[in-house]
Amino acid sequence: MTGAARAAVADGPLPGFHPALKDALTFPLAWGNSSIRDFDTWRRAARAKVEETLLVDREDATPYAPEFQRRTDGDGYTGELVTLSLTRHERVRAALLTPDGPGPFPAVLLLHDHGAKFDIGKEKLVRPWYDGARLASARAWTQKYFSGRFVGDELVRRGYVVLVADALGWGDRGPLAHDQQQALASNFYHLGSSLAGLMAREDARAAGFLARLERVDRRRIAAVGFSMGAFRAWQAAALTDDLAATAAVCWMTGLREMMVPGNNTLRGQSSYCMLHPGLSRHLDFPDVASIAAPRPMLFFNGGLDPLFPADGVRVAHEKLRAVWRSRHAEERLHLRTWPDLGHVFTDRMQDEVFMWLDHVL
């Protein structure tokens, strides 16, 4: 194998195959490309195609059977740990924050990032009152990406119920090592299933759990995420109508524009958390997010973010804008690039997201 071929293997398909397959990505099921002209009919068809590629069955009949443990009283709110069944195969522990007062309250499903940091998951977004050993790691993460804030604690102080759970491999469900991800994904595929599909199903189920809590106003639930959490947020909005709004920070692009040499997407490992085989033969990333239209959605990206080239963000935003415009709902779509920021969710960005949520929920 030549040096050029070895480099191509590291970054994607072999020369010849890569450009030919990339040129074949026309996304024929996208709204505007599809022969389906009724939007509600298109939404059902597009959602069904996404669900088909998840390779993981729906779990609608599985009882959540929540068990609440480890309460703490915060500054105007209560924190609880809750263990529940997001699938029939495993019980998952999540952090649940509830404002003081009678309720029902609006709610936020918070979805944690990847970051190749597996010792903490939900603790990236909620101060771990229940685990002092993870507190230092969690604080360091918030300093690096969130201006030192725990986003979940900020939201509950603003009057939102907050739920955040560990994805498989993180926190209580890990820790996974970085170079184990590909093997884990391979095992899922051999078993006729999917790591990314499991994550997608669990996130949609978590939204359903929030919607069934008496303390929550089920008409006012949003998904919020940063980085991989942003991917998970708009994906969950595409899969369930339990989410009334979505805020996705630093994960939106066109697939073709992202697939360039050196991009993490082509290297395996972390990308398997966001890979649904065969889906790109039908829909691009913004096409999937558009299944949630015309519900309110916010997309932020950093102009200096090395993971998402500017042309990919531009293409995605144009596609999203066209869909919401076709629904006469462009005012419900909030797109913004922060030219001086990279792959972060700083306090400035958070404050704008919080104000947006107050407005749309």
Protein backbone atom coordinates (compact mmCIF):
# COMPACT_ATOMS: atom_id res chain seq x y z
CA MET A 1 0.00 0.00 0.00
CA THR A 2 1.38 3.42 -0.94
CA GLY A 3 1.86 6.22 1.57
CA ALA A 4 -1.02 8.14 -0.03
CA ALA A 5 -3.29 5.12 0.26
CA ARG A 6 -2.38 4.61 3.92
CA ALA A 7 -3.23 8.27 4.60
CA ALA A 8 -6.55 7.85 2.82
CA VAL A 9 -7.41 4.80 4.93
CA ALA A 10 -6.79 6.85 8.06
CA ASP A 11 -9.10 9.63 6.88
CA GLY A 12 -11.73 7.75 4.87
CA PRO A 13 -12.30 5.43 1.91
CA LEU A 14 -9.52 4.58 -0.54
CA PRO A 15 -8.83 7.06 -3.38
CA GLY A 16 -11.32 6.56 -6.20
CA PHE A 17 -14.05 5.18 -3.97
CA HIS A 18 -14.17 8.26 -1.78
CA PRO A 19 -14.99 10.93 -4.41
CA ALA A 20 -17.33 8.59 -6.31
CA LEU A 21 -19.34 7.75 -3.21
CA LYS A 22 -19.32 11.37 -2.08
CA ASP A 23 -20.63 12.52 -5.47
CA ALA A 24 -23.47 10.01 -5.14
CA LEU A 25 -24.79 11.70 -2.00
CA THR A 26 -27.83 13.53 -3.35
CA PHE A 27 -30.14 13.07 -0.31
CA PRO A 28 -33.25 12.18 -2.36
CA LEU A 29 -35.58 12.03 0.65
CA ALA A 30 -34.78 15.60 1.77
CA TRP A 31 -37.68 18.03 1.86
CA GLY A 32 -37.59 19.77 -1.52
CA ASN A 33 -35.81 16.83 -3.18
CA SER A 34 -38.44 14.25 -2.32
CA SER A 35 -41.43 13.66 -4.56
CA ILE A 36 -43.61 13.94 -1.43
CA ARG A 37 -45.25 17.37 -1.44
CA ASP A 38 -47.36 17.26 1.73
CA PHE A 39 -45.12 18.20 4.66
CA ASP A 40 -46.81 16.04 7.30
CA THR A 41 -46.61 13.04 4.98
CA TRP A 42 -42.94 13.82 4.33
CA ARG A 43 -42.22 14.08 8.06
CA ARG A 44 -43.67 10.63 8.66
CA ALA A 45 -41.70 9.12 5.78
CA ALA A 46 -38.43 10.80 6.78
CA ARG A 47 -38.82 9.85 10.44
CA ALA A 48 -39.56 6.25 9.44
CA LYS A 49 -36.36 6.15 7.36
CA VAL A 50 -34.29 7.50 10.26
CA GLU A 51 -35.85 4.95 12.61
CA GLU A 52 -35.11 2.16 10.15
CA THR A 53 -31.39 3.02 10.08
CA LEU A 54 -31.11 3.17 13.88
CA LEU A 55 -31.19 -0.67 13.93
CA VAL A 56 -32.62 -0.49 17.46
CA ASP A 57 -36.26 -1.23 18.21
CA ARG A 58 -38.64 1.27 19.79
CA GLU A 59 -39.32 0.72 23.50
CA ASP A 60 -42.77 2.29 23.82
CA ALA A 61 -44.16 -0.57 25.93
CA THR A 62 -41.23 -0.75 28.36
CA PRO A 63 -42.17 0.78 31.75
CA TYR A 64 -39.78 3.46 32.99
CA ALA A 65 -40.23 2.17 36.57
CA PRO A 66 -38.32 5.10 38.11
CA GLU A 67 -36.57 4.77 41.47
CA PHE A 68 -35.66 8.07 43.14
CA GLN A 69 -32.61 8.28 45.39
CA ARG A 70 -30.01 10.68 46.87
CA ARG A 71 -31.86 13.97 47.26
CA THR A 72 -30.15 17.28 47.94
CA ASP A 73 -31.49 20.76 48.51
CA GLY A 74 -29.85 23.41 46.35
CA ASP A 75 -30.29 27.16 46.01
CA GLY A 76 -34.00 27.24 45.19
CA TYR A 77 -34.22 23.69 43.87
CA THR A 78 -34.00 20.02 44.73
CA GLY A 79 -31.63 17.53 43.12
CA GLU A 80 -32.40 13.82 42.86
CA LEU A 81 -30.84 10.77 41.32
CA VAL A 82 -33.35 8.66 39.43
CA THR A 83 -32.78 5.19 38.00
CA LEU A 84 -35.06 4.23 35.13
CA SER A 85 -35.43 1.87 32.20
CA LEU A 86 -34.77 3.66 28.93
CA THR A 87 -34.68 0.23 27.29
CA ARG A 88 -35.66 -3.22 28.52
CA HIS A 89 -31.97 -4.21 28.64
CA GLU A 90 -30.49 -1.79 31.18
CA ARG A 91 -31.36 0.53 34.05
CA VAL A 92 -29.80 3.99 33.72
CA ARG A 93 -29.06 6.51 36.46
CA ALA A 94 -29.84 10.16 35.72
CA ALA A 95 -29.73 13.47 37.56
CA LEU A 96 -33.08 15.24 37.95
CA LEU A 97 -33.27 18.84 39.17
CA THR A 98 -36.59 20.46 40.15
CA PRO A 99 -37.23 24.12 41.07
CA ASP A 100 -38.86 24.88 44.39
CA GLY A 101 -42.56 25.66 44.04
CA PRO A 102 -45.81 24.01 43.02
CA GLY A 103 -45.24 23.51 39.29
CA PRO A 104 -45.85 22.21 36.74
CA PHE A 105 -42.64 23.62 35.26
CA PRO A 106 -41.14 23.80 31.81
CA ALA A 107 -38.37 21.24 31.41
CA VAL A 108 -35.06 20.69 29.63
CA LEU A 109 -33.59 17.39 28.52
CA LEU A 110 -29.87 18.12 28.74
CA LEU A 111 -27.59 15.95 26.58
CA HIS A 112 -23.91 15.70 27.38
CA ASP A 113 -21.02 15.95 24.93
CA HIS A 114 -18.41 13.40 23.91
CA GLY A 115 -15.06 15.14 24.32
CA ALA A 116 -13.23 11.78 24.57
CA LYS A 117 -13.71 12.15 28.33
CA PHE A 118 -15.61 9.21 29.73
CA ASP A 119 -15.20 9.36 33.51
CA ILE A 120 -18.01 11.91 33.65
CA GLY A 121 -21.19 12.19 31.57
CA LYS A 122 -24.14 13.84 33.30
CA GLU A 123 -21.59 15.45 35.63
CA LYS A 124 -20.40 17.63 32.75
CA LEU A 125 -23.71 19.48 33.02
CA VAL A 126 -24.90 19.02 36.62
CA ARG A 127 -22.76 19.55 39.73
CA PRO A 128 -22.28 16.04 41.18
CA TRP A 129 -23.47 16.60 44.76
CA TYR A 130 -23.66 12.80 45.04
CA ASP A 131 -20.04 12.02 44.11
CA GLY A 132 -17.20 14.11 45.50
CA ALA A 133 -14.63 12.04 43.59
CA ARG A 134 -16.06 13.30 40.27
CA LEU A 135 -16.43 16.91 41.32
CA ALA A 136 -12.88 18.02 40.45
CA SER A 137 -13.09 16.41 37.00
CA ALA A 138 -16.49 17.99 36.40
CA ARG A 139 -15.33 21.45 37.47
CA ALA A 140 -12.32 21.24 35.17
CA TRP A 141 -14.63 20.35 32.26
CA THR A 142 -16.92 23.29 32.94
CA GLN A 143 -13.92 25.62 33.05
CA LYS A 144 -12.74 24.35 29.67
CA TYR A 145 -16.05 24.54 27.79
CA PHE A 146 -18.78 26.27 29.85
CA SER A 147 -17.14 29.32 31.45
CA GLY A 148 -17.05 27.45 34.75
CA ARG A 149 -20.81 26.95 34.88
CA PHE A 150 -22.84 23.79 35.36
CA VAL A 151 -25.46 24.37 32.69
CA GLY A 152 -28.09 22.22 34.38
CA ASP A 153 -27.77 24.10 37.68
CA GLU A 154 -28.14 27.40 35.79
CA LEU A 155 -31.32 26.16 34.10
CA VAL A 156 -33.03 24.90 37.25
CA ARG A 157 -32.38 28.25 38.93
CA ARG A 158 -34.27 29.81 36.03
CA GLY A 159 -37.28 27.62 36.73
CA TYR A 160 -36.75 24.55 34.53
CA VAL A 161 -36.91 20.91 35.54
CA VAL A 162 -33.68 19.38 34.21
CA LEU A 163 -32.94 15.76 33.33
CA VAL A 164 -29.54 14.48 32.22
CA ALA A 165 -28.45 10.84 31.94
CA ASP A 166 -25.22 9.08 31.02
CA ALA A 167 -24.90 7.73 27.50
CA LEU A 168 -23.43 4.25 27.22
CA GLY A 169 -19.71 4.47 27.96
CA TRP A 170 -19.79 7.57 30.16
CA GLY A 171 -19.97 8.11 33.91
CA ASP A 172 -21.91 5.36 35.66
CA ARG A 173 -22.08 3.43 32.36
CA GLY A 174 -18.32 3.52 31.81
CA PRO A 175 -15.72 4.72 31.70
CA LEU A 176 -14.97 3.65 28.16
CA ALA A 177 -11.43 4.08 26.82
CA HIS A 178 -11.07 6.08 23.62
CA ASP A 179 -9.69 3.17 21.59
CA GLN A 180 -12.48 0.84 22.77
CA GLN A 181 -15.20 2.76 20.95
CA GLN A 182 -14.68 1.12 17.59
CA ALA A 183 -14.75 -2.35 19.12
CA LEU A 184 -17.94 -1.51 21.02
CA ALA A 185 -19.60 -0.22 17.85
CA SER A 186 -18.43 -3.28 15.92
CA ASN A 187 -19.97 -5.59 18.50
CA PHE A 188 -23.28 -3.76 18.20
CA TYR A 189 -23.22 -4.07 14.40
CA HIS A 190 -22.39 -7.78 14.57
CA LEU A 191 -25.38 -8.21 16.85
CA GLY A 192 -27.63 -6.50 14.33
CA SER A 193 -27.81 -3.35 16.43
CA SER A 194 -26.10 0.04 16.69
CA LEU A 195 -24.32 2.10 19.34
CA ALA A 196 -25.52 5.38 17.82
CA GLY A 197 -28.99 3.93 17.37
CA LEU A 198 -29.16 2.98 21.04
CA MET A 199 -28.18 6.51 22.04
CA ALA A 200 -30.86 7.97 19.76
CA ARG A 201 -33.57 5.68 21.15
CA GLU A 202 -32.57 6.37 24.76
CA ASP A 203 -32.64 10.14 24.22
CA ALA A 204 -36.14 10.03 22.73
CA ARG A 205 -37.26 7.84 25.63
CA ALA A 206 -35.76 10.28 28.14
CA ALA A 207 -37.87 13.04 26.60
CA GLY A 208 -40.91 10.82 27.04
CA PHE A 209 -40.05 10.27 30.70
CA LEU A 210 -39.94 14.03 31.31
CA ALA A 211 -43.29 14.43 29.56
CA ARG A 212 -44.88 11.95 31.97
CA LEU A 213 -43.69 13.59 35.20
CA GLU A 214 -46.45 15.41 37.06
CA ARG A 215 -44.04 18.21 37.96
CA VAL A 216 -43.48 18.96 34.23
CA ASP A 217 -45.66 20.91 31.79
CA ARG A 218 -45.48 18.40 28.94
CA ARG A 219 -46.21 21.12 26.35
CA ARG A 220 -43.02 22.99 27.35
CA ILE A 221 -40.09 20.57 27.07
CA ALA A 222 -36.88 21.41 25.22
CA ALA A 223 -33.73 19.51 24.36
CA VAL A 224 -30.41 21.33 24.84
CA GLY A 225 -26.96 20.02 24.01
CA PHE A 226 -23.37 20.99 23.19
CA SER A 227 -21.13 19.20 20.68
CA MET A 228 -22.25 15.56 20.50
CA GLY A 229 -25.02 16.63 22.85
CA ALA A 230 -26.19 19.06 20.16
CA PHE A 231 -26.28 16.23 17.62
CA ARG A 232 -28.31 14.22 20.12
CA ALA A 233 -30.66 17.15 20.75
CA TRP A 234 -31.74 17.79 17.15
CA GLN A 235 -31.82 14.04 16.50
CA ALA A 236 -34.17 13.51 19.45
CA ALA A 237 -36.39 16.32 18.18
CA ALA A 238 -36.63 14.50 14.85
CA LEU A 239 -37.65 11.27 16.57
CA THR A 240 -40.22 12.43 19.13
CA ASP A 241 -42.97 15.02 19.36
CA ASP A 242 -42.48 15.27 23.13
CA LEU A 243 -39.94 18.06 22.52
CA ALA A 244 -41.41 21.50 21.86
CA ALA A 245 -38.07 23.22 21.13
CA THR A 246 -34.39 22.41 20.63
CA ALA A 247 -31.12 24.28 21.18
CA ALA A 248 -28.05 22.75 19.52
CA VAL A 249 -24.64 24.32 20.11
CA CYS A 250 -21.63 23.38 17.96
CA TRP A 251 -22.93 20.43 15.95
CA MET A 252 -24.51 21.12 12.59
CA THR A 253 -23.03 20.82 9.13
CA GLY A 254 -23.55 19.34 5.72
CA LEU A 255 -22.12 15.82 5.52
CA ARG A 256 -20.35 16.31 2.19
CA GLU A 257 -18.59 19.43 3.46
CA MET A 258 -17.55 17.72 6.70
CA MET A 259 -15.98 14.74 4.96
CA VAL A 260 -12.60 16.31 4.27
CA PRO A 261 -9.16 14.84 5.10
CA GLY A 262 -8.28 15.30 8.74
CA ASN A 263 -11.82 15.62 10.04
CA ASN A 264 -12.56 13.45 13.08
CA THR A 265 -15.63 12.02 11.38
CA LEU A 266 -13.45 9.95 9.06
CA ARG A 267 -11.24 8.42 11.71
CA GLY A 268 -13.59 5.97 13.39
CA GLN A 269 -13.66 5.73 17.19
CA SER A 270 -15.73 8.73 18.37
CA SER A 271 -17.66 9.00 15.11
CA TYR A 272 -19.48 5.71 15.80
CA CYS A 273 -21.58 7.46 18.42
CA MET A 274 -23.13 9.52 15.61
CA LEU A 275 -23.12 7.08 12.68
CA HIS A 276 -26.26 5.45 11.28
CA PRO A 277 -25.22 3.24 8.34
CA GLY A 278 -27.15 3.94 5.17
CA LEU A 279 -28.92 7.10 6.37
CA SER A 280 -26.84 9.41 4.18
CA ARG A 281 -28.20 7.66 1.08
CA HIS A 282 -31.47 9.36 1.93
CA LEU A 283 -30.99 12.36 4.24
CA ASP A 284 -28.29 14.86 5.21
CA PHE A 285 -27.83 16.05 8.81
CA PRO A 286 -29.94 19.21 8.38
CA ASP A 287 -32.59 17.13 6.63
CA VAL A 288 -32.93 14.98 9.73
CA ALA A 289 -33.14 18.03 11.98
CA SER A 290 -35.82 19.44 9.66
CA ILE A 291 -38.19 16.62 10.61
CA ALA A 292 -38.82 18.71 13.74
CA ALA A 293 -40.01 21.73 11.71
CA PRO A 294 -41.78 24.02 12.31
CA ARG A 295 -41.07 23.72 16.04
CA PRO A 296 -38.61 26.32 17.41
CA MET A 297 -34.95 25.37 16.93
CA LEU A 298 -31.70 27.18 17.70
CA PHE A 299 -28.34 26.36 16.13
CA PHE A 300 -25.11 28.06 17.25
CA ASN A 301 -21.65 27.41 15.90
CA GLY A 302 -18.25 28.91 16.59
CA GLY A 303 -16.55 30.63 13.68
CA LEU A 304 -13.22 29.22 14.88
CA ASP A 305 -14.52 25.68 15.46
CA PRO A 306 -12.07 23.30 13.72
CA LEU A 307 -14.57 20.41 13.70
CA PHE A 308 -17.13 22.09 11.45
CA PRO A 309 -15.84 23.88 8.34
CA ALA A 310 -17.59 27.17 7.59
CA ASP A 311 -18.89 25.96 4.21
CA GLY A 312 -20.55 22.97 5.88
CA VAL A 313 -22.26 25.20 8.45
CA ARG A 314 -23.40 27.55 5.68
CA VAL A 315 -24.88 24.72 3.60
CA ALA A 316 -26.68 23.30 6.63
CA HIS A 317 -28.08 26.67 7.66
CA GLU A 318 -29.34 27.32 4.12
CA LYS A 319 -31.14 23.97 4.10
CA LEU A 320 -32.67 24.57 7.51
CA ARG A 321 -33.76 28.08 6.61
CA ALA A 322 -35.44 26.83 3.43
CA VAL A 323 -37.49 24.25 5.34
CA TRP A 324 -38.70 26.63 8.04
CA ARG A 325 -39.44 29.25 5.38
CA SER A 326 -41.54 26.70 3.49
CA ARG A 327 -43.58 26.28 6.69
CA HIS A 328 -43.96 30.08 7.06
CA ALA A 329 -42.10 29.76 10.34
CA GLU A 330 -38.66 31.24 9.70
CA GLU A 331 -39.00 33.35 12.86
CA ARG A 332 -38.92 30.10 14.86
CA LEU A 333 -35.44 29.22 13.56
CA HIS A 334 -32.53 30.95 15.30
CA LEU A 335 -29.18 30.53 13.48
CA ARG A 336 -26.04 32.25 14.68
CA THR A 337 -22.30 32.01 14.15
CA TRP A 338 -20.06 33.41 16.89
CA PRO A 339 -17.02 34.53 14.85
CA ASP A 340 -14.62 34.86 17.80
CA LEU A 341 -15.39 31.49 19.41
CA GLY A 342 -14.37 27.91 18.76
CA HIS A 343 -15.84 24.64 20.01
CA VAL A 344 -17.30 25.95 23.28
CA PHE A 345 -20.57 26.82 25.02
CA THR A 346 -19.56 29.94 26.92
CA ASP A 347 -21.59 31.98 29.38
CA ARG A 348 -22.49 34.48 26.62
CA MET A 349 -23.87 31.70 24.46
CA GLN A 350 -25.65 30.12 27.41
CA ASP A 351 -27.36 33.37 28.37
CA GLU A 352 -28.70 33.78 24.84
CA VAL A 353 -29.96 30.19 24.80
CA PHE A 354 -31.65 30.69 28.18
CA MET A 355 -33.41 33.85 27.02
CA TRP A 356 -34.48 32.08 23.83
CA LEU A 357 -35.94 29.20 25.82
CA ASP A 358 -37.83 31.63 28.05
CA HIS A 359 -39.31 33.13 24.89
CA VAL A 360 -40.29 30.00 22.98
CA LEU A 361 -41.51 27.73 25.80
